[in-house]
């Protein structure tokens, strides 16, 4: 059973150890970088493949905790293998192929201090703001369009030498039909310049149904909007996944906030549900991929030592994006990821309904 909000009084993992390892770093302008992390359970399989890959292909090893979902693509050598293993998303090439980004230095930022004090109250305010936000309506035959700026730091191995690199803060555009059967992705870190077709077909050519970690617009409308029922469903359906149940629950909610368009009632319920996950803290100052400062709701993954932060506007409590930052030393398989390394950063710029695939709304030009 998950603990109730009132019973969650023990210190969060952040408050136990974080201050021991903080770096006094200045907030840096992010160099270019993007890398979509893959699910922990695919790590061994993917790494075995990348060890045999040509030296020109980087072996990307920092594990992003996200389950593969339709409209989510892995980078470089790991991409096609992981998608096949997951059986969720198929990419179909169009035009030129290969990443359009160039590896640059790792992304870094100041690690803010996390505190569990005031978290339920903050999430209540965020939840209330979500109910008052004008809802984007997506009609029959339309597509959900999400545009963001993203960046990633990753471990790159060439000729048995492993270093940290990033591959560019850049524009990412995703289109998806409401049932998820048709979509398109343009992300220069993982697709050709013209993009790639997305669908839910597995290696057998059959379409995979939507589920919590691979949602569609239609599927989101079926989820309960009672926070207790919603959180119970999340714990039940993610049992045995991730590094621990609480981290996986936090991860799942975060996934539903990014490249999707949850109904207002569900958005509010997700935030209220997050308040009942042990270990959730707030960070007074966090920065998204385009430099917008906000207040963050966060949780430290005690296994990886990285903290995932959902960043909100401090005045309106509007969701701005997400950041995963290393808090503890010796992160990554090679132990090169130091506190202050930004493993992943995202800023959501546009969420809109469009009439055709690859149509860009005026606000996204």
Protein backbone atom coordinates (compact mmCIF):
# COMPACT_ATOMS: atom_id res chain seq x y z
CA UNK A 1 0.00 0.00 0.00
CA UNK A 2 1.26 3.48 -0.75
CA UNK A 3 1.49 5.81 2.24
CA UNK A 4 -1.10 8.54 2.61
CA UNK A 5 -0.10 12.16 2.20
CA UNK A 6 -0.41 12.80 5.93
CA UNK A 7 1.74 9.77 6.73
CA UNK A 8 4.57 10.69 4.39
CA UNK A 9 6.64 12.57 6.97
CA UNK A 10 10.01 10.87 6.69
CA UNK A 11 12.81 12.85 4.97
CA UNK A 12 12.94 12.58 1.21
CA UNK A 13 16.05 11.00 -0.38
CA UNK A 14 17.11 14.47 -1.51
CA UNK A 15 17.17 15.70 2.07
CA UNK A 16 19.31 12.80 3.29
CA UNK A 17 22.29 13.12 1.01
CA UNK A 18 21.99 15.86 -1.57
CA UNK A 19 23.84 18.60 0.31
CA UNK A 20 26.88 16.37 0.69
CA UNK A 21 27.57 16.42 -3.04
CA UNK A 22 26.31 19.76 -4.39
CA UNK A 23 28.54 21.57 -6.86
CA UNK A 24 28.73 25.32 -6.75
CA UNK A 25 28.12 25.72 -10.46
CA UNK A 26 26.94 28.77 -12.29
CA UNK A 27 23.86 28.20 -14.43
CA UNK A 28 25.34 27.71 -17.88
CA UNK A 29 23.95 28.51 -21.27
CA UNK A 30 23.18 25.06 -22.52
CA UNK A 31 25.23 23.96 -25.49
CA UNK A 32 23.37 21.93 -28.02
CA UNK A 33 22.26 18.51 -26.78
CA UNK A 34 19.52 15.94 -27.15
CA UNK A 35 19.23 12.28 -26.43
CA UNK A 36 16.04 10.39 -25.62
CA UNK A 37 16.78 8.00 -22.79
CA UNK A 38 15.51 4.46 -22.80
CA UNK A 39 13.86 2.22 -20.27
CA UNK A 40 16.02 0.59 -17.59
CA UNK A 41 14.86 -2.88 -18.50
CA UNK A 42 16.25 -2.48 -22.05
CA UNK A 43 19.70 -1.36 -20.90
CA UNK A 44 21.50 -4.69 -20.92
CA UNK A 45 20.07 -5.69 -24.28
CA UNK A 46 20.93 -2.37 -25.89
CA UNK A 47 24.42 -2.15 -24.41
CA UNK A 48 25.32 -5.60 -25.70
CA UNK A 49 24.37 -4.42 -29.17
CA UNK A 50 26.19 -1.09 -29.00
CA UNK A 51 29.39 -2.74 -27.79
CA UNK A 52 29.56 -4.46 -31.17
CA UNK A 53 28.59 -1.32 -33.10
CA UNK A 54 31.08 0.51 -35.37
CA UNK A 55 33.24 3.07 -33.59
CA UNK A 56 31.50 5.92 -35.41
CA UNK A 57 28.28 5.16 -33.53
CA UNK A 58 28.30 6.38 -29.91
CA UNK A 59 27.31 3.90 -27.22
CA UNK A 60 24.71 5.84 -25.28
CA UNK A 61 24.50 4.51 -21.78
CA UNK A 62 22.75 6.88 -19.35
CA UNK A 63 19.36 5.26 -18.79
CA UNK A 64 16.41 7.54 -18.98
CA UNK A 65 13.70 5.95 -16.95
CA UNK A 66 10.93 6.47 -19.46
CA UNK A 67 9.04 3.55 -20.96
CA UNK A 68 8.92 3.71 -24.72
CA UNK A 69 5.72 5.21 -25.99
CA UNK A 70 4.43 6.07 -29.44
CA UNK A 71 6.01 9.46 -30.38
CA UNK A 72 9.15 8.67 -28.43
CA UNK A 73 12.38 7.74 -30.16
CA UNK A 74 15.78 6.54 -29.02
CA UNK A 75 19.06 7.93 -30.31
CA UNK A 76 21.70 6.65 -32.70
CA UNK A 77 22.73 2.98 -32.38
CA UNK A 78 20.21 2.18 -29.65
CA UNK A 79 17.20 3.43 -31.60
CA UNK A 80 16.12 0.63 -33.91
CA UNK A 81 17.03 -2.15 -31.50
CA UNK A 82 15.11 -0.76 -28.55
CA UNK A 83 12.04 0.04 -30.61
CA UNK A 84 11.97 -3.48 -31.96
CA UNK A 85 12.36 -4.96 -28.48
CA UNK A 86 9.62 -2.77 -27.05
CA UNK A 87 7.21 -3.53 -29.87
CA UNK A 88 5.54 -0.14 -29.52
CA UNK A 89 6.84 2.27 -32.11
CA UNK A 90 7.97 1.85 -35.70
CA UNK A 91 10.02 4.42 -37.62
CA UNK A 92 9.85 4.52 -41.39
CA UNK A 93 12.63 6.53 -43.03
CA UNK A 94 11.92 9.38 -45.39
CA UNK A 95 14.55 11.16 -47.47
CA UNK A 96 18.04 11.56 -46.03
CA UNK A 97 18.99 9.60 -42.94
CA UNK A 98 21.16 10.07 -39.90
CA UNK A 99 21.42 12.52 -37.03
CA UNK A 100 21.70 16.18 -38.00
CA UNK A 101 23.40 17.25 -34.75
CA UNK A 102 27.06 17.40 -33.78
CA UNK A 103 28.34 16.23 -30.39
CA UNK A 104 29.21 19.07 -28.05
CA UNK A 105 30.28 19.48 -24.41
CA UNK A 106 28.02 18.17 -21.60
CA UNK A 107 25.20 20.32 -20.29
CA UNK A 108 25.65 21.63 -16.74
CA UNK A 109 23.61 23.60 -14.23
CA UNK A 110 23.39 24.47 -10.56
CA UNK A 111 21.85 21.73 -8.42
CA UNK A 112 19.11 23.25 -6.29
CA UNK A 113 18.28 21.97 -2.82
CA UNK A 114 15.17 19.83 -2.52
CA UNK A 115 12.80 20.01 0.43
CA UNK A 116 9.66 18.03 1.22
CA UNK A 117 8.21 20.97 3.12
CA UNK A 118 5.15 22.45 1.42
CA UNK A 119 4.98 19.88 -1.39
CA UNK A 120 1.26 18.99 -0.96
CA UNK A 121 0.33 22.67 -0.89
CA UNK A 122 2.40 23.40 -3.99
CA UNK A 123 0.82 20.51 -5.90
CA UNK A 124 -2.63 21.65 -4.81
CA UNK A 125 -1.93 25.07 -6.33
CA UNK A 126 -0.60 23.48 -9.51
CA UNK A 127 -3.65 21.21 -9.70
CA UNK A 128 -6.03 24.15 -9.27
CA UNK A 129 -4.22 26.08 -12.00
CA UNK A 130 -4.57 23.09 -14.33
CA UNK A 131 -8.35 23.10 -13.96
CA UNK A 132 -8.47 26.79 -14.93
CA UNK A 133 -6.20 26.51 -17.96
CA UNK A 134 -8.10 26.73 -21.28
CA UNK A 135 -8.31 23.23 -22.73
CA UNK A 136 -7.15 22.44 -26.24
CA UNK A 137 -9.92 20.57 -28.04
CA UNK A 138 -8.92 17.87 -30.48
CA UNK A 139 -11.65 16.87 -32.91
CA UNK A 140 -12.22 13.70 -34.87
CA UNK A 141 -9.60 13.31 -37.59
CA UNK A 142 -7.27 15.90 -36.06
CA UNK A 143 -3.74 15.42 -34.74
CA UNK A 144 -2.09 16.42 -31.48
CA UNK A 145 0.95 18.58 -32.20
CA UNK A 146 3.61 19.08 -29.52
CA UNK A 147 6.68 21.20 -30.11
CA UNK A 148 9.52 21.43 -27.64
CA UNK A 149 13.16 22.33 -27.24
CA UNK A 150 15.24 19.47 -25.88
CA UNK A 151 18.80 18.61 -24.97
CA UNK A 152 20.72 15.68 -23.50
CA UNK A 153 24.08 14.74 -22.06
CA UNK A 154 25.20 11.17 -22.66
CA UNK A 155 28.20 8.88 -22.37
CA UNK A 156 29.89 8.32 -25.74
CA UNK A 157 32.31 5.46 -26.30
CA UNK A 158 34.67 5.52 -29.29
CA UNK A 159 37.66 3.17 -29.58
CA UNK A 160 37.17 2.00 -25.97
CA UNK A 161 37.37 5.57 -24.67
CA UNK A 162 34.27 6.93 -22.91
CA UNK A 163 33.59 10.66 -22.61
CA UNK A 164 30.58 12.87 -21.90
CA UNK A 165 28.95 14.70 -24.78
CA UNK A 166 25.70 16.39 -25.76
CA UNK A 167 24.13 16.71 -29.17
CA UNK A 168 22.34 20.01 -29.18
CA UNK A 169 19.44 21.96 -27.69
CA UNK A 170 17.13 21.90 -30.66
CA UNK A 171 13.58 21.86 -31.89
CA UNK A 172 11.57 18.65 -31.60
CA UNK A 173 8.17 18.29 -33.30
CA UNK A 174 5.71 15.44 -32.83
CA UNK A 175 2.35 14.79 -34.48
CA UNK A 176 -0.03 12.00 -33.43
CA UNK A 177 -3.51 10.95 -34.40
CA UNK A 178 -5.91 10.67 -31.48
CA UNK A 179 -5.75 6.86 -31.57
CA UNK A 180 -1.97 6.86 -32.00
CA UNK A 181 -1.99 4.82 -35.18
CA UNK A 182 -0.51 7.60 -37.30
CA UNK A 183 2.20 10.07 -36.43
CA UNK A 184 5.34 11.91 -37.45
CA UNK A 185 8.51 12.98 -35.66
CA UNK A 186 11.10 15.58 -36.60
CA UNK A 187 14.05 15.59 -34.23
CA UNK A 188 17.47 16.19 -35.76
CA UNK A 189 19.19 14.16 -33.04
CA UNK A 190 17.35 10.96 -33.95
CA UNK A 191 15.71 11.38 -37.36
CA UNK A 192 16.52 12.65 -40.82
CA UNK A 193 15.94 16.33 -41.52
CA UNK A 194 12.52 15.54 -43.03
CA UNK A 195 11.50 13.35 -40.10
CA UNK A 196 10.20 9.85 -39.62
CA UNK A 197 6.79 8.22 -39.71
CA UNK A 198 5.54 6.89 -36.37
CA UNK A 199 3.03 4.14 -35.71
CA UNK A 200 2.25 1.57 -33.02
CA UNK A 201 3.07 -1.52 -35.07
CA UNK A 202 5.26 -4.20 -33.53
CA UNK A 203 7.68 -6.50 -35.36
CA UNK A 204 4.75 -8.69 -36.40
CA UNK A 205 3.00 -5.75 -38.05
CA UNK A 206 0.12 -5.66 -35.57
CA UNK A 207 -0.83 -2.51 -33.69
CA UNK A 208 -0.06 -2.37 -29.98
CA UNK A 209 -2.84 -1.06 -27.71
CA UNK A 210 -2.33 2.09 -25.68
CA UNK A 211 -1.39 1.82 -22.01
CA UNK A 212 -0.08 4.08 -19.22
CA UNK A 213 3.49 4.34 -20.48
CA UNK A 214 2.45 4.42 -24.13
CA UNK A 215 -0.70 6.56 -24.09
CA UNK A 216 -2.77 8.07 -26.86
CA UNK A 217 -5.10 11.05 -26.72
CA UNK A 218 -8.09 8.72 -26.74
CA UNK A 219 -6.61 6.52 -24.01
CA UNK A 220 -5.97 9.48 -21.70
CA UNK A 221 -9.69 10.29 -21.75
CA UNK A 222 -10.41 6.86 -20.20
CA UNK A 223 -8.18 7.29 -17.13
CA UNK A 224 -9.79 8.00 -13.73
CA UNK A 225 -9.74 11.58 -12.52
CA UNK A 226 -9.98 10.62 -8.86
CA UNK A 227 -6.37 11.04 -7.58
CA UNK A 228 -6.51 7.99 -5.31
CA UNK A 229 -7.90 5.70 -8.00
CA UNK A 230 -5.46 7.09 -10.54
CA UNK A 231 -2.43 6.54 -8.31
CA UNK A 232 -3.62 3.03 -7.42
CA UNK A 233 -3.84 2.22 -11.14
CA UNK A 234 -0.37 3.63 -11.74
CA UNK A 235 1.19 1.53 -8.96
CA UNK A 236 -0.63 -1.61 -10.07
CA UNK A 237 0.21 -1.31 -13.76
CA UNK A 238 3.87 -0.39 -13.23
CA UNK A 239 4.55 -3.05 -10.60
CA UNK A 240 7.98 -4.60 -11.07
CA UNK A 241 9.18 -1.89 -13.45
CA UNK A 242 11.88 0.70 -12.91
CA UNK A 243 14.26 1.01 -9.97
CA UNK A 244 11.52 1.07 -7.33
CA UNK A 245 7.72 1.45 -7.24
CA UNK A 246 7.68 5.07 -6.04
CA UNK A 247 10.21 6.26 -8.62
CA UNK A 248 8.34 4.45 -11.38
CA UNK A 249 5.05 6.05 -10.32
CA UNK A 250 6.67 9.50 -10.43
CA UNK A 251 8.21 8.67 -13.80
CA UNK A 252 4.88 7.57 -15.23
CA UNK A 253 3.11 10.75 -14.19
CA UNK A 254 5.94 12.80 -15.69
CA UNK A 255 5.64 10.94 -18.98
CA UNK A 256 1.96 11.82 -19.15
CA UNK A 257 2.81 15.53 -18.81
CA UNK A 258 5.17 15.79 -21.79
CA UNK A 259 4.37 14.77 -25.35
CA UNK A 260 0.66 14.28 -24.78
CA UNK A 261 -2.42 16.38 -24.20
CA UNK A 262 -4.19 15.16 -21.02
CA UNK A 263 -7.72 16.43 -20.36
CA UNK A 264 -7.87 19.17 -17.72
CA UNK A 265 -9.46 16.86 -15.15
CA UNK A 266 -6.74 14.27 -15.62
CA UNK A 267 -4.00 16.88 -15.41
CA UNK A 268 -5.34 18.07 -12.05
CA UNK A 269 -5.62 14.48 -10.79
CA UNK A 270 -2.03 13.68 -11.83
CA UNK A 271 -0.68 16.53 -9.73
CA UNK A 272 -2.76 15.60 -6.69
CA UNK A 273 -1.69 11.96 -7.07
CA UNK A 274 1.98 12.98 -7.17
CA UNK A 275 1.63 14.52 -3.70
CA UNK A 276 1.10 11.03 -2.27
CA UNK A 277 4.29 9.54 -3.71
CA UNK A 278 6.99 9.22 -1.03
CA UNK A 279 10.20 11.13 -1.68
CA UNK A 280 8.69 13.95 -3.74
CA UNK A 281 10.28 17.34 -3.01
CA UNK A 282 10.14 20.88 -4.31
CA UNK A 283 13.11 22.78 -5.67
CA UNK A 284 12.83 26.55 -5.46
CA UNK A 285 14.70 27.26 -8.68
CA UNK A 286 15.01 25.03 -11.74
CA UNK A 287 15.54 25.95 -15.38
CA UNK A 288 14.04 24.44 -18.52
CA UNK A 289 15.73 23.96 -21.90
CA UNK A 290 15.13 27.55 -23.06
CA UNK A 291 16.31 29.15 -19.83
CA UNK A 292 12.95 29.78 -18.18
CA UNK A 293 13.28 29.72 -14.40
CA UNK A 294 10.57 28.05 -12.38
CA UNK A 295 9.72 26.08 -9.29
CA UNK A 296 10.11 22.32 -9.60
CA UNK A 297 8.36 19.24 -8.27
CA UNK A 298 11.06 16.60 -8.18
CA UNK A 299 12.15 13.16 -7.05
CA UNK A 300 15.61 11.65 -6.69
CA UNK A 301 16.24 8.23 -8.19
CA UNK A 302 18.36 6.68 -5.44
CA UNK A 303 19.76 4.05 -7.81
CA UNK A 304 21.11 6.40 -10.50
CA UNK A 305 21.62 9.45 -8.28
CA UNK A 306 19.76 11.61 -10.82
CA UNK A 307 16.78 13.82 -9.95
CA UNK A 308 13.88 14.37 -12.30
CA UNK A 309 12.28 17.81 -12.00
CA UNK A 310 8.95 19.00 -13.42
CA UNK A 311 9.35 22.75 -13.91
CA UNK A 312 6.40 25.15 -13.43
CA UNK A 313 6.01 28.88 -13.85
CA UNK A 314 6.35 30.29 -10.32
CA UNK A 315 3.53 32.80 -10.83
CA UNK A 316 0.93 30.92 -12.89
CA UNK A 317 1.96 27.30 -12.09
CA UNK A 318 1.82 26.48 -15.80
CA UNK A 319 3.88 23.42 -16.74
CA UNK A 320 7.05 24.55 -18.55
CA UNK A 321 9.00 21.36 -19.05
CA UNK A 322 11.20 18.77 -17.41
CA UNK A 323 14.83 18.40 -16.39
CA UNK A 324 16.85 15.42 -15.15
CA UNK A 325 19.99 16.50 -13.31
CA UNK A 326 22.65 14.42 -11.61
CA UNK A 327 22.71 15.00 -7.85
CA UNK A 328 25.15 12.36 -6.61
CA UNK A 329 28.68 11.64 -7.92
CA UNK A 330 29.92 8.80 -10.10
CA UNK A 331 26.81 8.54 -12.26
CA UNK A 332 26.57 6.52 -15.46
CA UNK A 333 28.15 3.21 -16.31
CA UNK A 334 31.61 4.78 -16.54
CA UNK A 335 31.16 6.89 -13.40
CA UNK A 336 31.78 10.09 -15.38
CA UNK A 337 28.51 11.86 -14.67
CA UNK A 338 29.13 14.41 -11.92
CA UNK A 339 26.63 16.40 -9.83
CA UNK A 340 25.34 19.28 -11.89
CA UNK A 341 25.32 17.37 -15.18
CA UNK A 342 22.01 17.90 -16.97
CA UNK A 343 21.14 14.52 -18.41
CA UNK A 344 17.96 15.69 -20.08
CA UNK A 345 16.19 19.01 -20.43
CA UNK A 346 12.97 19.89 -22.17
CA UNK A 347 10.85 22.99 -22.66
CA UNK A 348 7.34 22.55 -24.07
CA UNK A 349 6.69 25.40 -26.51
CA UNK A 350 3.43 24.49 -28.29
CA UNK A 351 0.59 22.03 -27.71
CA UNK A 352 -2.11 22.34 -30.33
CA UNK A 353 -4.60 20.48 -32.48
CA UNK A 354 -3.94 20.50 -36.23
CA UNK A 355 -5.91 19.16 -39.19
CA UNK A 356 -3.18 17.38 -41.11
CA UNK A 357 0.00 15.43 -40.41
CA UNK A 358 3.08 17.68 -40.43
CA UNK A 359 0.96 20.84 -40.25
CA UNK A 360 2.60 23.46 -38.03
CA UNK A 361 0.25 25.90 -36.26
CA UNK A 362 1.04 29.59 -36.51
CA UNK A 363 2.20 29.63 -32.88
CA UNK A 364 4.78 26.98 -33.72
CA UNK A 365 6.41 28.72 -36.69
